[in-house]
Amino acid sequence: MRTYVLLLTLLLSGLAVAASPSDRPPDLQPVPDGAPGPDDAPPVTIKPSSAGRIVEYRANGKLYMLKVIPKYGKPYYLIDQRGDGQFARQDSLDSGMRPPMWVIKEF
């Protein structure tokens, strides 16, 4: 009896996988293959000055992040988090959030 139930379950699951999905949008485009090209990277502008360098990062023509590299001292970031032109300073891009990690098996 268990064999028949298992066989019936496998048959029905195979039919469900083989059926064409009806909730798929009609105008899907295939994902392009290959490595990202030079147009895929965000435009970056480096502006040297007497006090150091400023690296500007833009997306869709809008400035969203500045990396300030002073001549003396640690670099820091100015990030527009809400998109309103108000930049907030961050000393690193590390958010401090760490995913939990456990050792499952060692060899």
N, C-alpha and C. Protein backbone atom coordinates (compact mmCIF):
# COMPACT_ATOMS: atom_id res chain seq x y z
N MET A 1 0.82 -1.20 0.00
CA MET A 1 0.00 0.00 0.00
C MET A 1 0.87 1.27 0.00
N ARG A 2 1.92 1.25 0.81
CA ARG A 2 2.81 2.41 0.87
C ARG A 2 3.48 2.66 -0.48
N THR A 3 3.79 1.57 -1.18
CA THR A 3 4.43 1.71 -2.48
C THR A 3 3.51 2.41 -3.46
N TYR A 4 2.24 2.08 -3.44
CA TYR A 4 1.29 2.72 -4.35
C TYR A 4 1.11 4.20 -4.02
N VAL A 5 1.06 4.52 -2.75
CA VAL A 5 0.91 5.93 -2.35
C VAL A 5 2.15 6.71 -2.76
N LEU A 6 3.32 6.13 -2.55
CA LEU A 6 4.57 6.79 -2.95
C LEU A 6 4.63 6.96 -4.46
N LEU A 7 4.27 5.94 -5.20
CA LEU A 7 4.27 6.02 -6.66
C LEU A 7 3.28 7.06 -7.17
N LEU A 8 2.09 7.11 -6.56
CA LEU A 8 1.09 8.10 -6.94
C LEU A 8 1.57 9.51 -6.63
N THR A 9 2.21 9.69 -5.48
CA THR A 9 2.74 11.01 -5.10
C THR A 9 3.82 11.47 -6.07
N LEU A 10 4.73 10.58 -6.43
CA LEU A 10 5.77 10.91 -7.39
C LEU A 10 5.20 11.24 -8.77
N LEU A 11 4.20 10.50 -9.19
CA LEU A 11 3.57 10.74 -10.48
C LEU A 11 2.88 12.11 -10.51
N LEU A 12 2.14 12.43 -9.45
CA LEU A 12 1.45 13.71 -9.40
C LEU A 12 2.42 14.89 -9.29
N SER A 13 3.50 14.69 -8.54
CA SER A 13 4.47 15.78 -8.44
C SER A 13 5.20 15.98 -9.77
N GLY A 14 5.43 14.90 -10.50
CA GLY A 14 6.04 15.02 -11.82
C GLY A 14 5.13 15.76 -12.79
N LEU A 15 3.83 15.51 -12.71
CA LEU A 15 2.88 16.21 -13.57
C LEU A 15 2.80 17.70 -13.20
N ALA A 16 2.90 17.98 -11.91
CA ALA A 16 2.85 19.39 -11.49
C ALA A 16 4.07 20.15 -11.97
N VAL A 17 5.23 19.51 -11.98
CA VAL A 17 6.45 20.17 -12.45
C VAL A 17 6.41 20.32 -13.96
N ALA A 18 5.86 19.36 -14.66
CA ALA A 18 5.84 19.40 -16.12
C ALA A 18 4.81 20.38 -16.67
N ALA A 19 3.82 20.77 -15.88
CA ALA A 19 2.78 21.69 -16.35
C ALA A 19 3.37 23.08 -16.56
N SER A 20 2.89 23.77 -17.57
CA SER A 20 3.40 25.12 -17.85
C SER A 20 2.79 26.11 -16.85
N PRO A 21 3.61 26.97 -16.28
CA PRO A 21 3.08 27.93 -15.31
C PRO A 21 2.25 29.00 -16.01
N SER A 22 1.11 29.32 -15.45
CA SER A 22 0.22 30.29 -16.07
C SER A 22 0.39 31.68 -15.47
N ASP A 23 1.11 31.79 -14.34
CA ASP A 23 1.26 33.10 -13.70
C ASP A 23 2.52 33.83 -14.16
N ARG A 24 3.18 33.35 -15.21
CA ARG A 24 4.40 33.97 -15.72
C ARG A 24 4.03 35.17 -16.59
N PRO A 25 4.71 36.30 -16.44
CA PRO A 25 4.44 37.47 -17.29
C PRO A 25 4.73 37.15 -18.76
N PRO A 26 3.98 37.75 -19.67
CA PRO A 26 4.12 37.39 -21.09
C PRO A 26 5.38 37.93 -21.76
N ASP A 27 5.99 39.00 -21.26
CA ASP A 27 7.11 39.64 -21.98
C ASP A 27 8.43 39.48 -21.23
N LEU A 28 8.79 38.25 -20.86
CA LEU A 28 10.05 38.01 -20.18
C LEU A 28 11.21 38.06 -21.17
N GLN A 29 12.31 38.64 -20.74
CA GLN A 29 13.52 38.71 -21.55
C GLN A 29 14.60 37.85 -20.90
N PRO A 30 15.43 37.14 -21.67
CA PRO A 30 16.48 36.33 -21.06
C PRO A 30 17.56 37.22 -20.43
N VAL A 31 18.18 36.69 -19.39
CA VAL A 31 19.24 37.41 -18.71
C VAL A 31 20.50 37.34 -19.56
N PRO A 32 21.19 38.46 -19.79
CA PRO A 32 22.40 38.41 -20.62
C PRO A 32 23.51 37.64 -19.91
N ASP A 33 24.26 36.89 -20.69
CA ASP A 33 25.36 36.11 -20.15
C ASP A 33 26.64 36.92 -20.20
N GLY A 34 27.60 36.47 -19.46
CA GLY A 34 28.93 37.07 -19.51
C GLY A 34 29.19 37.98 -18.32
N ALA A 35 30.42 38.45 -18.28
CA ALA A 35 30.85 39.34 -17.20
C ALA A 35 30.28 40.73 -17.41
N PRO A 36 30.11 41.50 -16.32
CA PRO A 36 29.62 42.86 -16.48
C PRO A 36 30.59 43.70 -17.31
N GLY A 37 30.04 44.54 -18.12
CA GLY A 37 30.86 45.40 -18.97
C GLY A 37 31.18 46.72 -18.29
N PRO A 38 31.90 47.59 -18.98
CA PRO A 38 32.26 48.87 -18.38
C PRO A 38 31.06 49.78 -18.16
N ASP A 39 29.97 49.57 -18.89
CA ASP A 39 28.78 50.40 -18.70
C ASP A 39 27.94 49.96 -17.51
N ASP A 40 28.22 48.76 -16.95
CA ASP A 40 27.46 48.25 -15.83
C ASP A 40 27.92 48.82 -14.49
N ALA A 41 29.14 49.32 -14.41
CA ALA A 41 29.66 49.86 -13.16
C ALA A 41 29.13 51.27 -12.94
N PRO A 42 28.94 51.66 -11.67
CA PRO A 42 28.48 53.03 -11.42
C PRO A 42 29.57 54.02 -11.80
N PRO A 43 29.19 55.16 -12.38
CA PRO A 43 30.20 56.14 -12.75
C PRO A 43 30.89 56.70 -11.50
N VAL A 44 32.19 56.72 -11.53
CA VAL A 44 33.00 57.19 -10.41
C VAL A 44 33.88 58.32 -10.90
N THR A 45 33.89 59.43 -10.16
CA THR A 45 34.73 60.57 -10.48
C THR A 45 35.67 60.82 -9.31
N ILE A 46 36.97 60.92 -9.61
CA ILE A 46 37.97 61.19 -8.57
C ILE A 46 38.44 62.62 -8.75
N LYS A 47 38.28 63.41 -7.70
CA LYS A 47 38.68 64.82 -7.73
C LYS A 47 39.81 65.05 -6.74
N PRO A 48 41.04 65.25 -7.24
CA PRO A 48 42.14 65.54 -6.32
C PRO A 48 42.09 67.00 -5.85
N SER A 49 42.55 67.23 -4.63
CA SER A 49 42.65 68.58 -4.10
C SER A 49 43.90 68.66 -3.23
N SER A 50 44.17 69.83 -2.70
CA SER A 50 45.37 69.99 -1.88
C SER A 50 45.22 69.27 -0.54
N ALA A 51 43.98 69.05 -0.08
CA ALA A 51 43.75 68.39 1.20
C ALA A 51 43.60 66.87 1.07
N GLY A 52 43.52 66.35 -0.13
CA GLY A 52 43.35 64.90 -0.35
C GLY A 52 42.60 64.63 -1.63
N ARG A 53 41.76 63.60 -1.61
CA ARG A 53 40.97 63.24 -2.78
C ARG A 53 39.52 63.03 -2.38
N ILE A 54 38.62 63.26 -3.33
CA ILE A 54 37.20 62.98 -3.14
C ILE A 54 36.76 62.10 -4.30
N VAL A 55 36.17 60.95 -3.95
CA VAL A 55 35.68 60.01 -4.96
C VAL A 55 34.16 60.10 -4.93
N GLU A 56 33.56 60.45 -6.08
CA GLU A 56 32.11 60.61 -6.18
C GLU A 56 31.52 59.39 -6.88
N TYR A 57 30.47 58.83 -6.30
CA TYR A 57 29.76 57.69 -6.87
C TYR A 57 28.37 58.15 -7.29
N ARG A 58 28.00 57.84 -8.53
CA ARG A 58 26.71 58.25 -9.07
C ARG A 58 25.95 57.05 -9.61
N ALA A 59 24.63 57.12 -9.51
CA ALA A 59 23.73 56.13 -10.10
C ALA A 59 22.62 56.89 -10.81
N ASN A 60 22.43 56.60 -12.06
CA ASN A 60 21.44 57.29 -12.90
C ASN A 60 21.68 58.80 -12.90
N GLY A 61 22.94 59.20 -12.87
CA GLY A 61 23.29 60.62 -12.90
C GLY A 61 23.15 61.34 -11.57
N LYS A 62 22.75 60.63 -10.51
CA LYS A 62 22.53 61.27 -9.22
C LYS A 62 23.63 60.84 -8.25
N LEU A 63 24.21 61.82 -7.56
CA LEU A 63 25.27 61.57 -6.59
C LEU A 63 24.67 60.93 -5.34
N TYR A 64 25.18 59.74 -4.97
CA TYR A 64 24.63 59.06 -3.79
C TYR A 64 25.67 58.78 -2.72
N MET A 65 26.98 58.88 -3.05
CA MET A 65 27.99 58.60 -2.05
C MET A 65 29.28 59.32 -2.40
N LEU A 66 29.96 59.82 -1.38
CA LEU A 66 31.27 60.43 -1.51
C LEU A 66 32.23 59.68 -0.60
N LYS A 67 33.41 59.39 -1.11
CA LYS A 67 34.47 58.85 -0.27
C LYS A 67 35.53 59.93 -0.17
N VAL A 68 35.75 60.42 1.03
CA VAL A 68 36.72 61.49 1.26
C VAL A 68 38.00 60.84 1.78
N ILE A 69 39.09 61.04 1.05
CA ILE A 69 40.38 60.48 1.42
C ILE A 69 41.31 61.65 1.74
N PRO A 70 41.41 62.04 3.01
CA PRO A 70 42.26 63.17 3.36
C PRO A 70 43.74 62.80 3.21
N LYS A 71 44.56 63.81 3.04
CA LYS A 71 45.99 63.57 2.89
C LYS A 71 46.54 62.94 4.17
N TYR A 72 46.07 63.39 5.32
CA TYR A 72 46.49 62.85 6.61
C TYR A 72 45.23 62.42 7.36
N GLY A 73 45.18 61.18 7.78
CA GLY A 73 44.01 60.69 8.51
C GLY A 73 43.33 59.55 7.77
N LYS A 74 42.26 59.05 8.39
CA LYS A 74 41.53 57.92 7.83
C LYS A 74 40.47 58.39 6.84
N PRO A 75 40.26 57.64 5.77
CA PRO A 75 39.17 57.98 4.84
C PRO A 75 37.81 57.75 5.49
N TYR A 76 36.82 58.50 5.02
CA TYR A 76 35.45 58.33 5.51
C TYR A 76 34.49 58.53 4.36
N TYR A 77 33.24 58.15 4.57
CA TYR A 77 32.22 58.19 3.54
C TYR A 77 31.13 59.19 3.92
N LEU A 78 30.59 59.85 2.93
CA LEU A 78 29.39 60.68 3.09
C LEU A 78 28.33 60.04 2.20
N ILE A 79 27.24 59.60 2.82
CA ILE A 79 26.22 58.83 2.09
C ILE A 79 24.87 59.53 2.18
N ASP A 80 24.22 59.65 1.03
CA ASP A 80 22.86 60.19 0.95
C ASP A 80 21.89 59.02 1.09
N GLN A 81 21.43 58.75 2.30
CA GLN A 81 20.63 57.56 2.55
C GLN A 81 19.19 57.69 2.10
N ARG A 82 18.64 58.89 2.09
CA ARG A 82 17.23 59.07 1.72
C ARG A 82 17.06 59.62 0.31
N GLY A 83 18.14 60.04 -0.33
CA GLY A 83 18.04 60.59 -1.68
C GLY A 83 17.60 62.04 -1.73
N ASP A 84 17.72 62.77 -0.60
CA ASP A 84 17.29 64.16 -0.56
C ASP A 84 18.45 65.15 -0.60
N GLY A 85 19.67 64.68 -0.83
CA GLY A 85 20.82 65.57 -0.92
C GLY A 85 21.49 65.86 0.41
N GLN A 86 20.99 65.30 1.50
CA GLN A 86 21.61 65.47 2.82
C GLN A 86 22.53 64.28 3.08
N PHE A 87 23.82 64.54 3.18
CA PHE A 87 24.81 63.48 3.35
C PHE A 87 25.13 63.30 4.82
N ALA A 88 25.24 62.02 5.24
CA ALA A 88 25.60 61.68 6.61
C ALA A 88 26.95 60.98 6.58
N ARG A 89 27.79 61.28 7.57
CA ARG A 89 29.13 60.71 7.61
C ARG A 89 29.10 59.31 8.20
N GLN A 90 29.88 58.43 7.58
CA GLN A 90 30.13 57.09 8.10
C GLN A 90 31.62 56.84 7.97
N ASP A 91 32.21 56.28 9.03
CA ASP A 91 33.65 56.02 8.98
C ASP A 91 34.00 54.79 8.17
N SER A 92 33.04 53.90 7.95
CA SER A 92 33.26 52.75 7.08
C SER A 92 31.92 52.31 6.52
N LEU A 93 31.96 51.47 5.52
CA LEU A 93 30.73 50.95 4.94
C LEU A 93 30.23 49.72 5.68
N ASP A 94 30.95 49.30 6.72
CA ASP A 94 30.57 48.15 7.54
C ASP A 94 29.42 48.55 8.45
N SER A 95 28.29 47.86 8.33
CA SER A 95 27.12 48.21 9.13
C SER A 95 27.20 47.64 10.54
N GLY A 96 28.13 46.74 10.79
CA GLY A 96 28.25 46.12 12.11
C GLY A 96 27.38 44.90 12.29
N MET A 97 26.53 44.61 11.32
CA MET A 97 25.65 43.45 11.42
C MET A 97 26.40 42.21 10.95
N ARG A 98 26.39 41.19 11.76
CA ARG A 98 27.10 39.96 11.43
C ARG A 98 26.11 38.80 11.39
N PRO A 99 26.15 38.00 10.33
CA PRO A 99 25.27 36.83 10.30
C PRO A 99 25.78 35.77 11.27
N PRO A 100 24.91 34.99 11.86
CA PRO A 100 25.37 33.93 12.76
C PRO A 100 26.09 32.85 11.97
N MET A 101 27.21 32.38 12.51
CA MET A 101 27.98 31.34 11.84
C MET A 101 28.36 30.27 12.85
N TRP A 102 28.15 29.02 12.47
CA TRP A 102 28.51 27.90 13.31
C TRP A 102 29.32 26.92 12.48
N VAL A 103 30.18 26.20 13.16
CA VAL A 103 30.93 25.14 12.52
C VAL A 103 30.05 23.90 12.49
N ILE A 104 29.76 23.43 11.30
CA ILE A 104 28.90 22.25 11.18
C ILE A 104 29.75 20.97 11.18
N LYS A 105 30.82 21.00 10.39
CA LYS A 105 31.68 19.84 10.33
C LYS A 105 33.08 20.27 9.97
N GLU A 106 34.07 19.69 10.61
CA GLU A 106 35.45 19.96 10.29
C GLU A 106 36.09 18.69 9.77
N PHE A 107 37.00 18.85 8.84
CA PHE A 107 37.67 17.70 8.25
C PHE A 107 39.08 17.62 8.77
